[in-house]
Amino acid sequence: MKLDLRELPAMVVSLPAETRRRAHVTDHFGALGISFEFIDGVVGERKIRNVAIAHRNAFDAAKGLPFMVFE
């Protein structure tokens, strides 16, 4: 079975205020032909918990398997 990553849904976890990073991801993924959506990162005192919540949100946004999550 061949797997073409351009055909998989992709979620990119990123803080909304990181506009330069989001622009870079948009350009990079666009050049690769990978469609994606941004999932807002979570800010708070407990970094590990914030990352876990953001990734859970990305998993919840997926419409089905398979899918990819990027940071």
PDB file of N, CA and C in Angstrom:
ATOM      1  N   MET A   1       0.845  -1.179   0.000  1.00  0.00           N
ATOM      2  CA  MET A   1       0.000   0.000   0.000  1.00  0.00           C
ATOM      3  C   MET A   1       0.893   1.245   0.000  1.00  0.00           C
ATOM      4  N   LYS A   2       0.658   2.130  -0.950  1.00  0.00           N
ATOM      5  CA  LYS A   2       1.387   3.393  -0.997  1.00  0.00           C
ATOM      6  C   LYS A   2       0.598   4.451  -0.240  1.00  0.00           C
ATOM      7  N   LEU A   3       1.315   5.262   0.493  1.00  0.00           N
ATOM      8  CA  LEU A   3       0.688   6.322   1.268  1.00  0.00           C
ATOM      9  C   LEU A   3       1.228   7.659   0.779  1.00  0.00           C
ATOM     10  N   ASP A   4       0.346   8.480   0.234  1.00  0.00           N
ATOM     11  CA  ASP A   4       0.723   9.804  -0.251  1.00  0.00           C
ATOM     12  C   ASP A   4       0.320  10.819   0.816  1.00  0.00           C
ATOM     13  N   LEU A   5       1.300  11.418   1.469  1.00  0.00           N
ATOM     14  CA  LEU A   5       1.009  12.339   2.568  1.00  0.00           C
ATOM     15  C   LEU A   5       0.203  13.550   2.125  1.00  0.00           C
ATOM     16  N   ARG A   6       0.227  13.851   0.839  1.00  0.00           N
ATOM     17  CA  ARG A   6      -0.572  14.988   0.346  1.00  0.00           C
ATOM     18  C   ARG A   6      -2.059  14.690   0.407  1.00  0.00           C
ATOM     19  N   GLU A   7      -2.424  13.443   0.546  1.00  0.00           N
ATOM     20  CA  GLU A   7      -3.834  13.060   0.587  1.00  0.00           C
ATOM     21  C   GLU A   7      -4.380  12.960   2.006  1.00  0.00           C
ATOM     22  N   LEU A   8      -3.503  13.054   2.996  1.00  0.00           N
ATOM     23  CA  LEU A   8      -3.949  12.929   4.385  1.00  0.00           C
ATOM     24  C   LEU A   8      -4.301  14.285   4.965  1.00  0.00           C
ATOM     25  N   PRO A   9      -5.365  14.345   5.760  1.00  0.00           N
ATOM     26  CA  PRO A   9      -5.649  15.592   6.473  1.00  0.00           C
ATOM     27  C   PRO A   9      -4.524  15.883   7.458  1.00  0.00           C
ATOM     28  N   ALA A  10      -4.178  17.149   7.573  1.00  0.00           N
ATOM     29  CA  ALA A  10      -3.105  17.549   8.484  1.00  0.00           C
ATOM     30  C   ALA A  10      -3.587  18.695   9.364  1.00  0.00           C
ATOM     31  N   MET A  11      -3.249  18.602  10.639  1.00  0.00           N
ATOM     32  CA  MET A  11      -3.529  19.656  11.596  1.00  0.00           C
ATOM     33  C   MET A  11      -2.186  20.168  12.109  1.00  0.00           C
ATOM     34  N   VAL A  12      -2.045  21.486  12.168  1.00  0.00           N
ATOM     35  CA  VAL A  12      -0.817  22.100  12.659  1.00  0.00           C
ATOM     36  C   VAL A  12      -1.156  22.873  13.926  1.00  0.00           C
ATOM     37  N   VAL A  13      -0.580  22.447  15.052  1.00  0.00           N
ATOM     38  CA  VAL A  13      -0.791  23.123  16.323  1.00  0.00           C
ATOM     39  C   VAL A  13       0.114  24.352  16.356  1.00  0.00           C
ATOM     40  N   SER A  14      -0.495  25.517  16.559  1.00  0.00           N
ATOM     41  CA  SER A  14       0.257  26.764  16.558  1.00  0.00           C
ATOM     42  C   SER A  14      -0.527  27.822  17.321  1.00  0.00           C
ATOM     43  N   LEU A  15       0.188  28.644  18.062  1.00  0.00           N
ATOM     44  CA  LEU A  15      -0.473  29.739  18.766  1.00  0.00           C
ATOM     45  C   LEU A  15      -0.957  30.774  17.758  1.00  0.00           C
ATOM     46  N   PRO A  16      -2.165  31.301  17.938  1.00  0.00           N
ATOM     47  CA  PRO A  16      -2.703  32.278  16.984  1.00  0.00           C
ATOM     48  C   PRO A  16      -1.822  33.516  16.810  1.00  0.00           C
ATOM     49  N   ALA A  17      -1.130  33.925  17.859  1.00  0.00           N
ATOM     50  CA  ALA A  17      -0.295  35.128  17.784  1.00  0.00           C
ATOM     51  C   ALA A  17       0.992  34.908  16.997  1.00  0.00           C
ATOM     52  N   GLU A  18       1.331  33.676  16.699  1.00  0.00           N
ATOM     53  CA  GLU A  18       2.570  33.362  15.967  1.00  0.00           C
ATOM     54  C   GLU A  18       2.348  33.525  14.461  1.00  0.00           C
ATOM     55  N   THR A  19       2.089  34.752  14.036  1.00  0.00           N
ATOM     56  CA  THR A  19       1.729  35.005  12.642  1.00  0.00           C
ATOM     57  C   THR A  19       2.868  34.694  11.668  1.00  0.00           C
ATOM     58  N   ARG A  20       4.106  34.977  12.061  1.00  0.00           N
ATOM     59  CA  ARG A  20       5.244  34.676  11.168  1.00  0.00           C
ATOM     60  C   ARG A  20       5.402  33.164  10.995  1.00  0.00           C
ATOM     61  N   ARG A  21       5.255  32.448  12.090  1.00  0.00           N
ATOM     62  CA  ARG A  21       5.367  30.990  12.020  1.00  0.00           C
ATOM     63  C   ARG A  21       4.240  30.420  11.169  1.00  0.00           C
ATOM     64  N   ARG A  22       3.039  30.939  11.352  1.00  0.00           N
ATOM     65  CA  ARG A  22       1.901  30.450  10.569  1.00  0.00           C
ATOM     66  C   ARG A  22       2.103  30.736   9.089  1.00  0.00           C
ATOM     67  N   ALA A  23       2.655  31.896   8.763  1.00  0.00           N
ATOM     68  CA  ALA A  23       2.936  32.221   7.364  1.00  0.00           C
ATOM     69  C   ALA A  23       3.978  31.268   6.790  1.00  0.00           C
ATOM     70  N   HIS A  24       4.997  30.955   7.583  1.00  0.00           N
ATOM     71  CA  HIS A  24       6.039  30.025   7.131  1.00  0.00           C
ATOM     72  C   HIS A  24       5.442  28.638   6.875  1.00  0.00           C
ATOM     73  N   VAL A  25       4.629  28.154   7.798  1.00  0.00           N
ATOM     74  CA  VAL A  25       3.989  26.843   7.631  1.00  0.00           C
ATOM     75  C   VAL A  25       3.110  26.846   6.395  1.00  0.00           C
ATOM     76  N   THR A  26       2.344  27.905   6.200  1.00  0.00           N
ATOM     77  CA  THR A  26       1.458  28.008   5.035  1.00  0.00           C
ATOM     78  C   THR A  26       2.263  27.928   3.745  1.00  0.00           C
ATOM     79  N   ASP A  27       3.356  28.665   3.677  1.00  0.00           N
ATOM     80  CA  ASP A  27       4.207  28.633   2.484  1.00  0.00           C
ATOM     81  C   ASP A  27       4.832  27.253   2.277  1.00  0.00           C
ATOM     82  N   HIS A  28       5.363  26.690   3.350  1.00  0.00           N
ATOM     83  CA  HIS A  28       6.064  25.396   3.271  1.00  0.00           C
ATOM     84  C   HIS A  28       5.100  24.270   2.875  1.00  0.00           C
ATOM     85  N   PHE A  29       3.985  24.177   3.550  1.00  0.00           N
ATOM     86  CA  PHE A  29       3.028  23.119   3.239  1.00  0.00           C
ATOM     87  C   PHE A  29       2.415  23.329   1.852  1.00  0.00           C
ATOM     88  N   GLY A  30       2.206  24.585   1.475  1.00  0.00           N
ATOM     89  CA  GLY A  30       1.687  24.872   0.144  1.00  0.00           C
ATOM     90  C   GLY A  30       2.644  24.391  -0.937  1.00  0.00           C
ATOM     91  N   ALA A  31       3.935  24.619  -0.740  1.00  0.00           N
ATOM     92  CA  ALA A  31       4.934  24.169  -1.705  1.00  0.00           C
ATOM     93  C   ALA A  31       4.975  22.648  -1.801  1.00  0.00           C
ATOM     94  N   LEU A  32       4.667  21.974  -0.692  1.00  0.00           N
ATOM     95  CA  LEU A  32       4.660  20.510  -0.683  1.00  0.00           C
ATOM     96  C   LEU A  32       3.336  19.918  -1.172  1.00  0.00           C
ATOM     97  N   GLY A  33       2.321  20.767  -1.320  1.00  0.00           N
ATOM     98  CA  GLY A  33       1.013  20.288  -1.764  1.00  0.00           C
ATOM     99  C   GLY A  33       0.225  19.602  -0.660  1.00  0.00           C
ATOM    100  N   ILE A  34       0.515  19.952   0.592  1.00  0.00           N
ATOM    101  CA  ILE A  34      -0.195  19.353   1.731  1.00  0.00           C
ATOM    102  C   ILE A  34      -1.235  20.342   2.236  1.00  0.00           C
ATOM    103  N   SER A  35      -2.511  19.936   2.223  1.00  0.00           N
ATOM    104  CA  SER A  35      -3.537  20.792   2.794  1.00  0.00           C
ATOM    105  C   SER A  35      -3.591  20.553   4.300  1.00  0.00           C
ATOM    106  N   PHE A  36      -3.921  21.592   5.031  1.00  0.00           N
ATOM    107  CA  PHE A  36      -3.890  21.513   6.487  1.00  0.00           C
ATOM    108  C   PHE A  36      -4.828  22.541   7.076  1.00  0.00           C
ATOM    109  N   GLU A  37      -5.032  22.430   8.373  1.00  0.00           N
ATOM    110  CA  GLU A  37      -5.733  23.470   9.113  1.00  0.00           C
ATOM    111  C   GLU A  37      -4.960  23.738  10.389  1.00  0.00           C
ATOM    112  N   PHE A  38      -5.024  24.981  10.847  1.00  0.00           N
ATOM    113  CA  PHE A  38      -4.366  25.328  12.100  1.00  0.00           C
ATOM    114  C   PHE A  38      -5.272  24.971  13.266  1.00  0.00           C
ATOM    115  N   ILE A  39      -4.670  24.426  14.297  1.00  0.00           N
ATOM    116  CA  ILE A  39      -5.329  24.176  15.565  1.00  0.00           C
ATOM    117  C   ILE A  39      -4.636  25.085  16.569  1.00  0.00           C
ATOM    118  N   ASP A  40      -5.416  25.895  17.249  1.00  0.00           N
ATOM    119  CA  ASP A  40      -4.826  26.851  18.178  1.00  0.00           C
ATOM    120  C   ASP A  40      -4.124  26.144  19.334  1.00  0.00           C
ATOM    121  N   GLY A  41      -2.909  26.586  19.597  1.00  0.00           N
ATOM    122  CA  GLY A  41      -2.176  26.102  20.754  1.00  0.00           C
ATOM    123  C   GLY A  41      -2.813  26.641  22.028  1.00  0.00           C
ATOM    124  N   VAL A  42      -2.382  26.126  23.145  1.00  0.00           N
ATOM    125  CA  VAL A  42      -2.937  26.503  24.442  1.00  0.00           C
ATOM    126  C   VAL A  42      -1.816  27.118  25.274  1.00  0.00           C
ATOM    127  N   VAL A  43      -2.128  28.241  25.929  1.00  0.00           N
ATOM    128  CA  VAL A  43      -1.158  28.929  26.771  1.00  0.00           C
ATOM    129  C   VAL A  43      -1.608  28.808  28.222  1.00  0.00           C
ATOM    130  N   GLY A  44      -0.659  28.550  29.084  1.00  0.00           N
ATOM    131  CA  GLY A  44      -0.954  28.456  30.513  1.00  0.00           C
ATOM    132  C   GLY A  44       0.304  28.129  31.274  1.00  0.00           C
ATOM    133  N   GLU A  45       0.153  27.926  32.573  1.00  0.00           N
ATOM    134  CA  GLU A  45       1.306  27.693  33.443  1.00  0.00           C
ATOM    135  C   GLU A  45       1.886  26.291  33.298  1.00  0.00           C
ATOM    136  N   ARG A  46       1.084  25.332  32.897  1.00  0.00           N
ATOM    137  CA  ARG A  46       1.539  23.943  32.851  1.00  0.00           C
ATOM    138  C   ARG A  46       1.750  23.510  31.401  1.00  0.00           C
ATOM    139  N   LYS A  47       2.994  23.633  30.941  1.00  0.00           N
ATOM    140  CA  LYS A  47       3.308  23.414  29.528  1.00  0.00           C
ATOM    141  C   LYS A  47       2.901  22.030  29.029  1.00  0.00           C
ATOM    142  N   ILE A  48       3.221  20.987  29.767  1.00  0.00           N
ATOM    143  CA  ILE A  48       2.890  19.630  29.315  1.00  0.00           C
ATOM    144  C   ILE A  48       1.379  19.472  29.162  1.00  0.00           C
ATOM    145  N   ARG A  49       0.637  20.029  30.110  1.00  0.00           N
ATOM    146  CA  ARG A  49      -0.836  19.963  30.026  1.00  0.00           C
ATOM    147  C   ARG A  49      -1.338  20.750  28.812  1.00  0.00           C
ATOM    148  N   ASN A  50      -0.746  21.912  28.554  1.00  0.00           N
ATOM    149  CA  ASN A  50      -1.166  22.739  27.417  1.00  0.00           C
ATOM    150  C   ASN A  50      -0.946  22.003  26.100  1.00  0.00           C
ATOM    151  N   VAL A  51       0.205  21.352  25.975  1.00  0.00           N
ATOM    152  CA  VAL A  51       0.519  20.594  24.760  1.00  0.00           C
ATOM    153  C   VAL A  51      -0.473  19.449  24.595  1.00  0.00           C
ATOM    154  N   ALA A  52      -0.763  18.751  25.685  1.00  0.00           N
ATOM    155  CA  ALA A  52      -1.709  17.635  25.630  1.00  0.00           C
ATOM    156  C   ALA A  52      -3.095  18.107  25.200  1.00  0.00           C
ATOM    157  N   ILE A  53      -3.537  19.228  25.724  1.00  0.00           N
ATOM    158  CA  ILE A  53      -4.853  19.765  25.357  1.00  0.00           C
ATOM    159  C   ILE A  53      -4.878  20.159  23.882  1.00  0.00           C
ATOM    160  N   ALA A  54      -3.823  20.825  23.410  1.00  0.00           N
ATOM    161  CA  ALA A  54      -3.760  21.229  22.003  1.00  0.00           C
ATOM    162  C   ALA A  54      -3.778  20.016  21.084  1.00  0.00           C
ATOM    163  N   HIS A  55      -3.051  18.968  21.449  1.00  0.00           N
ATOM    164  CA  HIS A  55      -3.038  17.756  20.629  1.00  0.00           C
ATOM    165  C   HIS A  55      -4.393  17.045  20.679  1.00  0.00           C
ATOM    166  N   ARG A  56      -5.031  17.044  21.835  1.00  0.00           N
ATOM    167  CA  ARG A  56      -6.378  16.472  21.918  1.00  0.00           C
ATOM    168  C   ARG A  56      -7.323  17.234  20.985  1.00  0.00           C
ATOM    169  N   ASN A  57      -7.198  18.546  20.959  1.00  0.00           N
ATOM    170  CA  ASN A  57      -8.037  19.352  20.067  1.00  0.00           C
ATOM    171  C   ASN A  57      -7.767  19.005  18.604  1.00  0.00           C
ATOM    172  N   ALA A  58      -6.510  18.748  18.276  1.00  0.00           N
ATOM    173  CA  ALA A  58      -6.165  18.352  16.910  1.00  0.00           C
ATOM    174  C   ALA A  58      -6.778  16.993  16.579  1.00  0.00           C
ATOM    175  N   PHE A  59      -6.685  16.042  17.499  1.00  0.00           N
ATOM    176  CA  PHE A  59      -7.290  14.721  17.274  1.00  0.00           C
ATOM    177  C   PHE A  59      -8.801  14.856  17.109  1.00  0.00           C
ATOM    178  N   ASP A  60      -9.422  15.708  17.916  1.00  0.00           N
ATOM    179  CA  ASP A  60     -10.869  15.916  17.820  1.00  0.00           C
ATOM    180  C   ASP A  60     -11.260  16.550  16.493  1.00  0.00           C
ATOM    181  N   ALA A  61     -10.374  17.353  15.914  1.00  0.00           N
ATOM    182  CA  ALA A  61     -10.673  18.019  14.639  1.00  0.00           C
ATOM    183  C   ALA A  61     -10.560  17.069  13.454  1.00  0.00           C
ATOM    184  N   ALA A  62      -9.861  15.958  13.634  1.00  0.00           N
ATOM    185  CA  ALA A  62      -9.689  15.001  12.539  1.00  0.00           C
ATOM    186  C   ALA A  62     -11.036  14.352  12.197  1.00  0.00           C
ATOM    187  N   LYS A  63     -11.277  14.212  10.911  1.00  0.00           N
ATOM    188  CA  LYS A  63     -12.549  13.649  10.455  1.00  0.00           C
ATOM    189  C   LYS A  63     -12.524  12.120  10.430  1.00  0.00           C
ATOM    190  N   GLY A  64     -11.349  11.540  10.566  1.00  0.00           N
ATOM    191  CA  GLY A  64     -11.201  10.092  10.537  1.00  0.00           C
ATOM    192  C   GLY A  64      -9.746   9.739  10.361  1.00  0.00           C
ATOM    193  N   LEU A  65      -9.465   8.467  10.322  1.00  0.00           N
ATOM    194  CA  LEU A  65      -8.099   7.979  10.158  1.00  0.00           C
ATOM    195  C   LEU A  65      -7.793   7.748   8.681  1.00  0.00           C
ATOM    196  N   PRO A  66      -6.579   7.877   8.271  1.00  0.00           N
ATOM    197  CA  PRO A  66      -5.421   8.419   8.970  1.00  0.00           C
ATOM    198  C   PRO A  66      -5.391   9.934   8.883  1.00  0.00           C
ATOM    199  N   PHE A  67      -4.588  10.545   9.737  1.00  0.00           N
ATOM    200  CA  PHE A  67      -4.377  11.987   9.722  1.00  0.00           C
ATOM    201  C   PHE A  67      -3.013  12.273  10.335  1.00  0.00           C
ATOM    202  N   MET A  68      -2.554  13.522  10.203  1.00  0.00           N
ATOM    203  CA  MET A  68      -1.244  13.921  10.723  1.00  0.00           C
ATOM    204  C   MET A  68      -1.413  15.138  11.646  1.00  0.00           C
ATOM    205  N   VAL A  69      -0.584  15.199  12.672  1.00  0.00           N
ATOM    206  CA  VAL A  69      -0.545  16.368  13.563  1.00  0.00           C
ATOM    207  C   VAL A  69       0.887  16.867  13.584  1.00  0.00           C
ATOM    208  N   PHE A  70       1.053  18.172  13.380  1.00  0.00           N
ATOM    209  CA  PHE A  70       2.364  18.815  13.395  1.00  0.00           C
ATOM    210  C   PHE A  70       2.372  19.929  14.442  1.00  0.00           C
ATOM    211  N   GLU A  71       3.562  20.212  14.938  1.00  0.00           N
ATOM    212  CA  GLU A  71       3.725  21.365  15.839  1.00  0.00           C
ATOM    213  C   GLU A  71       4.567  22.409  15.150  1.00  0.00           C
TER     214      GLU A  71
END
